[in-house]
Amino acid sequence: MEDCLLKIGFWAGIAVPFFNIPLILRMIKRKSSADISLIWAVGVWVCFMLMLPSGLVSEDVNFKAFSIANITFFSVVVLVAIRYRIGKKNDRK
């Protein structure tokens, strides 16, 4: 039973960051990140970056998998949000 719960936790930890994909696709489709707070996005990303070393050295495979998947997908969110925010400022000049 415990092994089953660990496997469920592992796959759930990997699956959660995939829910960033609709957000990324919406920003790309609209070519805008105006409804995303950059302070929030960068703040969350910094927290994930600060947690990453702990996840990488942890013997808990679930925490390690979640940390890697989360930083990967949330980095894309932040990069896309910044790209469209900077792109809008450059278009105004």
PDB file of N, CA and C in Angstrom:
ATOM      1  N   MET A   1       0.829  -1.212   0.000  1.00  0.00           N
ATOM      2  CA  MET A   1       0.000   0.000   0.000  1.00  0.00           C
ATOM      3  C   MET A   1       0.865   1.265   0.000  1.00  0.00           C
ATOM      4  N   GLU A   2       1.904   1.259   0.834  1.00  0.00           N
ATOM      5  CA  GLU A   2       2.767   2.431   0.920  1.00  0.00           C
ATOM      6  C   GLU A   2       3.469   2.692  -0.415  1.00  0.00           C
ATOM      7  N   ASP A   3       3.890   1.602  -1.089  1.00  0.00           N
ATOM      8  CA  ASP A   3       4.532   1.729  -2.389  1.00  0.00           C
ATOM      9  C   ASP A   3       3.592   2.369  -3.407  1.00  0.00           C
ATOM     10  N   CYS A   4       2.332   1.982  -3.365  1.00  0.00           N
ATOM     11  CA  CYS A   4       1.322   2.540  -4.271  1.00  0.00           C
ATOM     12  C   CYS A   4       1.139   4.038  -4.012  1.00  0.00           C
ATOM     13  N   LEU A   5       1.077   4.408  -2.738  1.00  0.00           N
ATOM     14  CA  LEU A   5       0.913   5.825  -2.391  1.00  0.00           C
ATOM     15  C   LEU A   5       2.124   6.645  -2.836  1.00  0.00           C
ATOM     16  N   LEU A   6       3.319   6.080  -2.704  1.00  0.00           N
ATOM     17  CA  LEU A   6       4.520   6.780  -3.162  1.00  0.00           C
ATOM     18  C   LEU A   6       4.513   6.972  -4.672  1.00  0.00           C
ATOM     19  N   LYS A   7       4.052   5.969  -5.404  1.00  0.00           N
ATOM     20  CA  LYS A   7       3.966   6.091  -6.864  1.00  0.00           C
ATOM     21  C   LYS A   7       2.941   7.144  -7.263  1.00  0.00           C
ATOM     22  N   ILE A   8       1.803   7.160  -6.587  1.00  0.00           N
ATOM     23  CA  ILE A   8       0.782   8.174  -6.872  1.00  0.00           C
ATOM     24  C   ILE A   8       1.348   9.564  -6.612  1.00  0.00           C
ATOM     25  N   GLY A   9       2.040   9.723  -5.484  1.00  0.00           N
ATOM     26  CA  GLY A   9       2.654  11.011  -5.154  1.00  0.00           C
ATOM     27  C   GLY A   9       3.697  11.428  -6.168  1.00  0.00           C
ATOM     28  N   PHE A  10       4.474  10.472  -6.650  1.00  0.00           N
ATOM     29  CA  PHE A  10       5.495  10.757  -7.664  1.00  0.00           C
ATOM     30  C   PHE A  10       4.858  11.297  -8.940  1.00  0.00           C
ATOM     31  N   TRP A  11       3.870  10.589  -9.447  1.00  0.00           N
ATOM     32  CA  TRP A  11       3.225  11.007 -10.700  1.00  0.00           C
ATOM     33  C   TRP A  11       2.440  12.298 -10.531  1.00  0.00           C
ATOM     34  N   ALA A  12       1.831  12.488  -9.369  1.00  0.00           N
ATOM     35  CA  ALA A  12       1.113  13.740  -9.113  1.00  0.00           C
ATOM     36  C   ALA A  12       2.093  14.909  -9.064  1.00  0.00           C
ATOM     37  N   GLY A  13       3.256  14.697  -8.445  1.00  0.00           N
ATOM     38  CA  GLY A  13       4.273  15.747  -8.377  1.00  0.00           C
ATOM     39  C   GLY A  13       4.784  16.146  -9.737  1.00  0.00           C
ATOM     40  N   ILE A  14       4.861  15.190 -10.648  1.00  0.00           N
ATOM     41  CA  ILE A  14       5.276  15.498 -12.010  1.00  0.00           C
ATOM     42  C   ILE A  14       4.133  16.141 -12.790  1.00  0.00           C
ATOM     43  N   ALA A  15       2.889  15.713 -12.539  1.00  0.00           N
ATOM     44  CA  ALA A  15       1.737  16.206 -13.300  1.00  0.00           C
ATOM     45  C   ALA A  15       1.363  17.643 -12.959  1.00  0.00           C
ATOM     46  N   VAL A  16       1.499  18.035 -11.704  1.00  0.00           N
ATOM     47  CA  VAL A  16       1.061  19.376 -11.271  1.00  0.00           C
ATOM     48  C   VAL A  16       1.655  20.490 -12.129  1.00  0.00           C
ATOM     49  N   PRO A  17       2.972  20.505 -12.376  1.00  0.00           N
ATOM     50  CA  PRO A  17       3.523  21.597 -13.188  1.00  0.00           C
ATOM     51  C   PRO A  17       2.985  21.645 -14.618  1.00  0.00           C
ATOM     52  N   PHE A  18       2.467  20.536 -15.130  1.00  0.00           N
ATOM     53  CA  PHE A  18       1.911  20.540 -16.482  1.00  0.00           C
ATOM     54  C   PHE A  18       0.680  21.447 -16.581  1.00  0.00           C
ATOM     55  N   PHE A  19       0.087  21.789 -15.458  1.00  0.00           N
ATOM     56  CA  PHE A  19      -1.053  22.705 -15.483  1.00  0.00           C
ATOM     57  C   PHE A  19      -0.628  24.136 -15.795  1.00  0.00           C
ATOM     58  N   ASN A  20       0.680  24.373 -15.905  1.00  0.00           N
ATOM     59  CA  ASN A  20       1.174  25.674 -16.379  1.00  0.00           C
ATOM     60  C   ASN A  20       1.047  25.809 -17.892  1.00  0.00           C
ATOM     61  N   ILE A  21       0.929  24.690 -18.592  1.00  0.00           N
ATOM     62  CA  ILE A  21       0.884  24.718 -20.057  1.00  0.00           C
ATOM     63  C   ILE A  21      -0.279  25.560 -20.584  1.00  0.00           C
ATOM     64  N   PRO A  22      -1.518  25.427 -20.072  1.00  0.00           N
ATOM     65  CA  PRO A  22      -2.591  26.294 -20.583  1.00  0.00           C
ATOM     66  C   PRO A  22      -2.299  27.784 -20.396  1.00  0.00           C
ATOM     67  N   LEU A  23      -1.658  28.134 -19.284  1.00  0.00           N
ATOM     68  CA  LEU A  23      -1.298  29.535 -19.045  1.00  0.00           C
ATOM     69  C   LEU A  23      -0.279  30.006 -20.081  1.00  0.00           C
ATOM     70  N   ILE A  24       0.719  29.191 -20.340  1.00  0.00           N
ATOM     71  CA  ILE A  24       1.738  29.523 -21.334  1.00  0.00           C
ATOM     72  C   ILE A  24       1.101  29.678 -22.716  1.00  0.00           C
ATOM     73  N   LEU A  25       0.273  28.718 -23.093  1.00  0.00           N
ATOM     74  CA  LEU A  25      -0.365  28.752 -24.409  1.00  0.00           C
ATOM     75  C   LEU A  25      -1.297  29.958 -24.559  1.00  0.00           C
ATOM     76  N   ARG A  26      -1.997  30.320 -23.475  1.00  0.00           N
ATOM     77  CA  ARG A  26      -2.891  31.483 -23.530  1.00  0.00           C
ATOM     78  C   ARG A  26      -2.094  32.764 -23.766  1.00  0.00           C
ATOM     79  N   MET A  27      -0.958  32.908 -23.085  1.00  0.00           N
ATOM     80  CA  MET A  27      -0.133  34.102 -23.288  1.00  0.00           C
ATOM     81  C   MET A  27       0.392  34.156 -24.724  1.00  0.00           C
ATOM     82  N   ILE A  28       0.826  33.005 -25.243  1.00  0.00           N
ATOM     83  CA  ILE A  28       1.342  32.966 -26.609  1.00  0.00           C
ATOM     84  C   ILE A  28       0.233  33.268 -27.612  1.00  0.00           C
ATOM     85  N   LYS A  29      -0.933  32.686 -27.411  1.00  0.00           N
ATOM     86  CA  LYS A  29      -2.050  32.895 -28.337  1.00  0.00           C
ATOM     87  C   LYS A  29      -2.460  34.362 -28.381  1.00  0.00           C
ATOM     88  N   ARG A  30      -2.548  35.003 -27.215  1.00  0.00           N
ATOM     89  CA  ARG A  30      -2.964  36.404 -27.162  1.00  0.00           C
ATOM     90  C   ARG A  30      -1.805  37.375 -27.370  1.00  0.00           C
ATOM     91  N   LYS A  31      -0.575  36.828 -27.350  1.00  0.00           N
ATOM     92  CA  LYS A  31       0.619  37.664 -27.444  1.00  0.00           C
ATOM     93  C   LYS A  31       0.617  38.751 -26.370  1.00  0.00           C
ATOM     94  N   SER A  32       0.196  38.328 -25.172  1.00  0.00           N
ATOM     95  CA  SER A  32       0.111  39.269 -24.063  1.00  0.00           C
ATOM     96  C   SER A  32       0.244  38.525 -22.740  1.00  0.00           C
ATOM     97  N   SER A  33       0.890  39.195 -21.793  1.00  0.00           N
ATOM     98  CA  SER A  33       0.938  38.672 -20.429  1.00  0.00           C
ATOM     99  C   SER A  33       0.407  39.725 -19.460  1.00  0.00           C
ATOM    100  N   ALA A  34      -0.432  40.604 -19.987  1.00  0.00           N
ATOM    101  CA  ALA A  34      -0.936  41.731 -19.197  1.00  0.00           C
ATOM    102  C   ALA A  34      -1.721  41.291 -17.962  1.00  0.00           C
ATOM    103  N   ASP A  35      -2.362  40.118 -18.018  1.00  0.00           N
ATOM    104  CA  ASP A  35      -3.154  39.685 -16.864  1.00  0.00           C
ATOM    105  C   ASP A  35      -2.339  38.879 -15.855  1.00  0.00           C
ATOM    106  N   ILE A  36      -1.028  38.778 -16.079  1.00  0.00           N
ATOM    107  CA  ILE A  36      -0.135  38.075 -15.164  1.00  0.00           C
ATOM    108  C   ILE A  36       0.690  39.116 -14.422  1.00  0.00           C
ATOM    109  N   SER A  37       0.686  39.047 -13.108  1.00  0.00           N
ATOM    110  CA  SER A  37       1.519  39.937 -12.310  1.00  0.00           C
ATOM    111  C   SER A  37       2.966  39.462 -12.389  1.00  0.00           C
ATOM    112  N   LEU A  38       3.834  40.305 -12.917  1.00  0.00           N
ATOM    113  CA  LEU A  38       5.248  39.930 -13.010  1.00  0.00           C
ATOM    114  C   LEU A  38       5.874  39.815 -11.625  1.00  0.00           C
ATOM    115  N   ILE A  39       5.442  40.636 -10.689  1.00  0.00           N
ATOM    116  CA  ILE A  39       5.964  40.539  -9.320  1.00  0.00           C
ATOM    117  C   ILE A  39       5.617  39.169  -8.738  1.00  0.00           C
ATOM    118  N   TRP A  40       4.379  38.738  -8.939  1.00  0.00           N
ATOM    119  CA  TRP A  40       3.954  37.414  -8.467  1.00  0.00           C
ATOM    120  C   TRP A  40       4.757  36.327  -9.160  1.00  0.00           C
ATOM    121  N   ALA A  41       4.840  36.373 -10.486  1.00  0.00           N
ATOM    122  CA  ALA A  41       5.506  35.320 -11.251  1.00  0.00           C
ATOM    123  C   ALA A  41       6.981  35.213 -10.868  1.00  0.00           C
ATOM    124  N   VAL A  42       7.667  36.333 -10.808  1.00  0.00           N
ATOM    125  CA  VAL A  42       9.086  36.310 -10.457  1.00  0.00           C
ATOM    126  C   VAL A  42       9.265  35.904  -8.995  1.00  0.00           C
ATOM    127  N   GLY A  43       8.382  36.361  -8.120  1.00  0.00           N
ATOM    128  CA  GLY A  43       8.456  35.982  -6.703  1.00  0.00           C
ATOM    129  C   GLY A  43       8.295  34.485  -6.498  1.00  0.00           C
ATOM    130  N   VAL A  44       7.322  33.890  -7.182  1.00  0.00           N
ATOM    131  CA  VAL A  44       7.118  32.440  -7.093  1.00  0.00           C
ATOM    132  C   VAL A  44       8.323  31.715  -7.678  1.00  0.00           C
ATOM    133  N   TRP A  45       8.825  32.196  -8.808  1.00  0.00           N
ATOM    134  CA  TRP A  45       9.977  31.564  -9.449  1.00  0.00           C
ATOM    135  C   TRP A  45      11.209  31.605  -8.539  1.00  0.00           C
ATOM    136  N   VAL A  46      11.443  32.743  -7.888  1.00  0.00           N
ATOM    137  CA  VAL A  46      12.583  32.855  -6.966  1.00  0.00           C
ATOM    138  C   VAL A  46      12.430  31.847  -5.827  1.00  0.00           C
ATOM    139  N   CYS A  47      11.233  31.721  -5.291  1.00  0.00           N
ATOM    140  CA  CYS A  47      11.009  30.741  -4.220  1.00  0.00           C
ATOM    141  C   CYS A  47      11.274  29.321  -4.707  1.00  0.00           C
ATOM    142  N   PHE A  48      10.821  28.997  -5.916  1.00  0.00           N
ATOM    143  CA  PHE A  48      11.094  27.670  -6.476  1.00  0.00           C
ATOM    144  C   PHE A  48      12.595  27.455  -6.668  1.00  0.00           C
ATOM    145  N   MET A  49      13.296  28.503  -7.118  1.00  0.00           N
ATOM    146  CA  MET A  49      14.748  28.392  -7.299  1.00  0.00           C
ATOM    147  C   MET A  49      15.441  28.158  -5.958  1.00  0.00           C
ATOM    148  N   LEU A  50      14.974  28.822  -4.916  1.00  0.00           N
ATOM    149  CA  LEU A  50      15.565  28.634  -3.594  1.00  0.00           C
ATOM    150  C   LEU A  50      15.267  27.246  -3.029  1.00  0.00           C
ATOM    151  N   MET A  51      14.139  26.666  -3.434  1.00  0.00           N
ATOM    152  CA  MET A  51      13.788  25.311  -2.992  1.00  0.00           C
ATOM    153  C   MET A  51      14.492  24.230  -3.805  1.00  0.00           C
ATOM    154  N   LEU A  52      14.910  24.543  -5.030  1.00  0.00           N
ATOM    155  CA  LEU A  52      15.473  23.552  -5.938  1.00  0.00           C
ATOM    156  C   LEU A  52      16.678  22.799  -5.370  1.00  0.00           C
ATOM    157  N   PRO A  53      17.664  23.466  -4.775  1.00  0.00           N
ATOM    158  CA  PRO A  53      18.797  22.703  -4.239  1.00  0.00           C
ATOM    159  C   PRO A  53      18.365  21.646  -3.217  1.00  0.00           C
ATOM    160  N   SER A  54      17.401  21.996  -2.381  1.00  0.00           N
ATOM    161  CA  SER A  54      16.899  21.039  -1.402  1.00  0.00           C
ATOM    162  C   SER A  54      16.247  19.847  -2.094  1.00  0.00           C
ATOM    163  N   GLY A  55      15.501  20.125  -3.160  1.00  0.00           N
ATOM    164  CA  GLY A  55      14.861  19.050  -3.908  1.00  0.00           C
ATOM    165  C   GLY A  55      15.863  18.159  -4.607  1.00  0.00           C
ATOM    166  N   LEU A  56      16.931  18.752  -5.119  1.00  0.00           N
ATOM    167  CA  LEU A  56      17.928  17.975  -5.849  1.00  0.00           C
ATOM    168  C   LEU A  56      18.747  17.055  -4.944  1.00  0.00           C
ATOM    169  N   VAL A  57      19.010  17.477  -3.721  1.00  0.00           N
ATOM    170  CA  VAL A  57      19.810  16.640  -2.819  1.00  0.00           C
ATOM    171  C   VAL A  57      18.945  15.725  -1.949  1.00  0.00           C
ATOM    172  N   SER A  58      17.649  15.920  -2.005  1.00  0.00           N
ATOM    173  CA  SER A  58      16.745  15.101  -1.195  1.00  0.00           C
ATOM    174  C   SER A  58      16.746  13.650  -1.668  1.00  0.00           C
ATOM    175  N   GLU A  59      16.612  12.744  -0.721  1.00  0.00           N
ATOM    176  CA  GLU A  59      16.477  11.331  -1.071  1.00  0.00           C
ATOM    177  C   GLU A  59      15.028  10.995  -1.405  1.00  0.00           C
ATOM    178  N   ASP A  60      14.128  11.942  -1.179  1.00  0.00           N
ATOM    179  CA  ASP A  60      12.709  11.756  -1.508  1.00  0.00           C
ATOM    180  C   ASP A  60      12.530  11.962  -3.008  1.00  0.00           C
ATOM    181  N   VAL A  61      12.293  10.881  -3.710  1.00  0.00           N
ATOM    182  CA  VAL A  61      12.172  10.934  -5.171  1.00  0.00           C
ATOM    183  C   VAL A  61      10.998  11.816  -5.587  1.00  0.00           C
ATOM    184  N   ASN A  62       9.919  11.805  -4.812  1.00  0.00           N
ATOM    185  CA  ASN A  62       8.755  12.621  -5.158  1.00  0.00           C
ATOM    186  C   ASN A  62       9.095  14.107  -5.102  1.00  0.00           C
ATOM    187  N   PHE A  63       9.783  14.532  -4.058  1.00  0.00           N
ATOM    188  CA  PHE A  63      10.165  15.934  -3.921  1.00  0.00           C
ATOM    189  C   PHE A  63      11.148  16.324  -5.021  1.00  0.00           C
ATOM    190  N   LYS A  64      12.064  15.429  -5.341  1.00  0.00           N
ATOM    191  CA  LYS A  64      13.047  15.688  -6.399  1.00  0.00           C
ATOM    192  C   LYS A  64      12.353  15.857  -7.755  1.00  0.00           C
ATOM    193  N   ALA A  65      11.447  14.940  -8.083  1.00  0.00           N
ATOM    194  CA  ALA A  65      10.732  15.004  -9.366  1.00  0.00           C
ATOM    195  C   ALA A  65       9.878  16.268  -9.447  1.00  0.00           C
ATOM    196  N   PHE A  66       9.165  16.583  -8.364  1.00  0.00           N
ATOM    197  CA  PHE A  66       8.339  17.782  -8.341  1.00  0.00           C
ATOM    198  C   PHE A  66       9.199  19.026  -8.527  1.00  0.00           C
ATOM    199  N   SER A  67      10.327  19.083  -7.840  1.00  0.00           N
ATOM    200  CA  SER A  67      11.199  20.261  -7.929  1.00  0.00           C
ATOM    201  C   SER A  67      11.692  20.487  -9.347  1.00  0.00           C
ATOM    202  N   ILE A  68      12.127  19.427  -9.992  1.00  0.00           N
ATOM    203  CA  ILE A  68      12.652  19.546 -11.356  1.00  0.00           C
ATOM    204  C   ILE A  68      11.553  19.934 -12.341  1.00  0.00           C
ATOM    205  N   ALA A  69      10.422  19.236 -12.274  1.00  0.00           N
ATOM    206  CA  ALA A  69       9.321  19.536 -13.194  1.00  0.00           C
ATOM    207  C   ALA A  69       8.778  20.939 -12.952  1.00  0.00           C
ATOM    208  N   ASN A  70       8.658  21.328 -11.703  1.00  0.00           N
ATOM    209  CA  ASN A  70       8.087  22.626 -11.366  1.00  0.00           C
ATOM    210  C   ASN A  70       8.976  23.772 -11.835  1.00  0.00           C
ATOM    211  N   ILE A  71      10.274  23.685 -11.577  1.00  0.00           N
ATOM    212  CA  ILE A  71      11.153  24.781 -11.990  1.00  0.00           C
ATOM    213  C   ILE A  71      11.221  24.868 -13.509  1.00  0.00           C
ATOM    214  N   THR A  72      11.155  23.730 -14.172  1.00  0.00           N
ATOM    215  CA  THR A  72      11.192  23.727 -15.640  1.00  0.00           C
ATOM    216  C   THR A  72       9.994  24.460 -16.220  1.00  0.00           C
ATOM    217  N   PHE A  73       8.793  24.051 -15.825  1.00  0.00           N
ATOM    218  CA  PHE A  73       7.587  24.650 -16.405  1.00  0.00           C
ATOM    219  C   PHE A  73       7.360  26.075 -15.923  1.00  0.00           C
ATOM    220  N   PHE A  74       7.648  26.371 -14.653  1.00  0.00           N
ATOM    221  CA  PHE A  74       7.404  27.730 -14.189  1.00  0.00           C
ATOM    222  C   PHE A  74       8.426  28.696 -14.771  1.00  0.00           C
ATOM    223  N   SER A  75       9.622  28.207 -15.087  1.00  0.00           N
ATOM    224  CA  SER A  75      10.601  29.065 -15.775  1.00  0.00           C
ATOM    225  C   SER A  75      10.066  29.490 -17.135  1.00  0.00           C
ATOM    226  N   VAL A  76       9.393  28.582 -17.821  1.00  0.00           N
ATOM    227  CA  VAL A  76       8.794  28.924 -19.119  1.00  0.00           C
ATOM    228  C   VAL A  76       7.699  29.974 -18.924  1.00  0.00           C
ATOM    229  N   VAL A  77       6.879  29.813 -17.886  1.00  0.00           N
ATOM    230  CA  VAL A  77       5.831  30.810 -17.597  1.00  0.00           C
ATOM    231  C   VAL A  77       6.461  32.187 -17.431  1.00  0.00           C
ATOM    232  N   VAL A  78       7.496  32.273 -16.611  1.00  0.00           N
ATOM    233  CA  VAL A  78       8.132  33.567 -16.341  1.00  0.00           C
ATOM    234  C   VAL A  78       8.780  34.134 -17.607  1.00  0.00           C
ATOM    235  N   LEU A  79       9.472  33.304 -18.355  1.00  0.00           N
ATOM    236  CA  LEU A  79      10.116  33.786 -19.582  1.00  0.00           C
ATOM    237  C   LEU A  79       9.104  34.300 -20.609  1.00  0.00           C
ATOM    238  N   VAL A  80       8.008  33.572 -20.786  1.00  0.00           N
ATOM    239  CA  VAL A  80       6.977  34.004 -21.739  1.00  0.00           C
ATOM    240  C   VAL A  80       6.321  35.297 -21.248  1.00  0.00           C
ATOM    241  N   ALA A  81       6.033  35.375 -19.950  1.00  0.00           N
ATOM    242  CA  ALA A  81       5.409  36.585 -19.396  1.00  0.00           C
ATOM    243  C   ALA A  81       6.320  37.796 -19.580  1.00  0.00           C
ATOM    244  N   ILE A  82       7.587  37.636 -19.289  1.00  0.00           N
ATOM    245  CA  ILE A  82       8.534  38.748 -19.441  1.00  0.00           C
ATOM    246  C   ILE A  82       8.702  39.111 -20.916  1.00  0.00           C
ATOM    247  N   ARG A  83       8.773  38.102 -21.770  1.00  0.00           N
ATOM    248  CA  ARG A  83       8.936  38.372 -23.208  1.00  0.00           C
ATOM    249  C   ARG A  83       7.805  39.236 -23.747  1.00  0.00           C
ATOM    250  N   TYR A  84       6.581  38.889 -23.400  1.00  0.00           N
ATOM    251  CA  TYR A  84       5.457  39.669 -23.916  1.00  0.00           C
ATOM    252  C   TYR A  84       5.343  41.022 -23.230  1.00  0.00           C
ATOM    253  N   ARG A  85       5.746  41.129 -21.976  1.00  0.00           N
ATOM    254  CA  ARG A  85       5.713  42.422 -21.295  1.00  0.00           C
ATOM    255  C   ARG A  85       6.759  43.341 -21.893  1.00  0.00           C
ATOM    256  N   ILE A  86       7.956  42.852 -22.118  1.00  0.00           N
ATOM    257  CA  ILE A  86       9.022  43.661 -22.718  1.00  0.00           C
ATOM    258  C   ILE A  86       8.683  43.975 -24.174  1.00  0.00           C
ATOM    259  N   GLY A  87       8.116  43.017 -24.879  1.00  0.00           N
ATOM    260  CA  GLY A  87       7.711  43.226 -26.265  1.00  0.00           C
ATOM    261  C   GLY A  87       6.699  44.339 -26.391  1.00  0.00           C
ATOM    262  N   LYS A  88       5.751  44.432 -25.472  1.00  0.00           N
ATOM    263  CA  LYS A  88       4.746  45.508 -25.503  1.00  0.00           C
ATOM    264  C   LYS A  88       5.409  46.864 -25.273  1.00  0.00           C
ATOM    265  N   LYS A  89       6.381  46.925 -24.352  1.00  0.00           N
ATOM    266  CA  LYS A  89       7.072  48.199 -24.110  1.00  0.00           C
ATOM    267  C   LYS A  89       7.873  48.628 -25.326  1.00  0.00           C
ATOM    268  N   ASN A  90       8.498  47.686 -26.011  1.00  0.00           N
ATOM    269  CA  ASN A  90       9.260  48.011 -27.225  1.00  0.00           C
ATOM    270  C   ASN A  90       8.359  48.445 -28.363  1.00  0.00           C
ATOM    271  N   ASP A  91       7.125  47.917 -28.420  1.00  0.00           N
ATOM    272  CA  ASP A  91       6.181  48.302 -29.471  1.00  0.00           C
ATOM    273  C   ASP A  91       5.699  49.744 -29.289  1.00  0.00           C
ATOM    274  N   ARG A  92       5.692  50.236 -28.044  1.00  0.00           N
ATOM    275  CA  ARG A  92       5.210  51.593 -27.767  1.00  0.00           C
ATOM    276  C   ARG A  92       6.220  52.672 -28.158  1.00  0.00           C
ATOM    277  N   LYS A  93       7.471  52.297 -28.296  1.00  0.00           N
ATOM    278  CA  LYS A  93       8.513  53.310 -28.586  1.00  0.00           C
ATOM    279  C   LYS A  93       8.467  53.797 -29.998  1.00  0.00           C
TER     280      LYS A  93
END
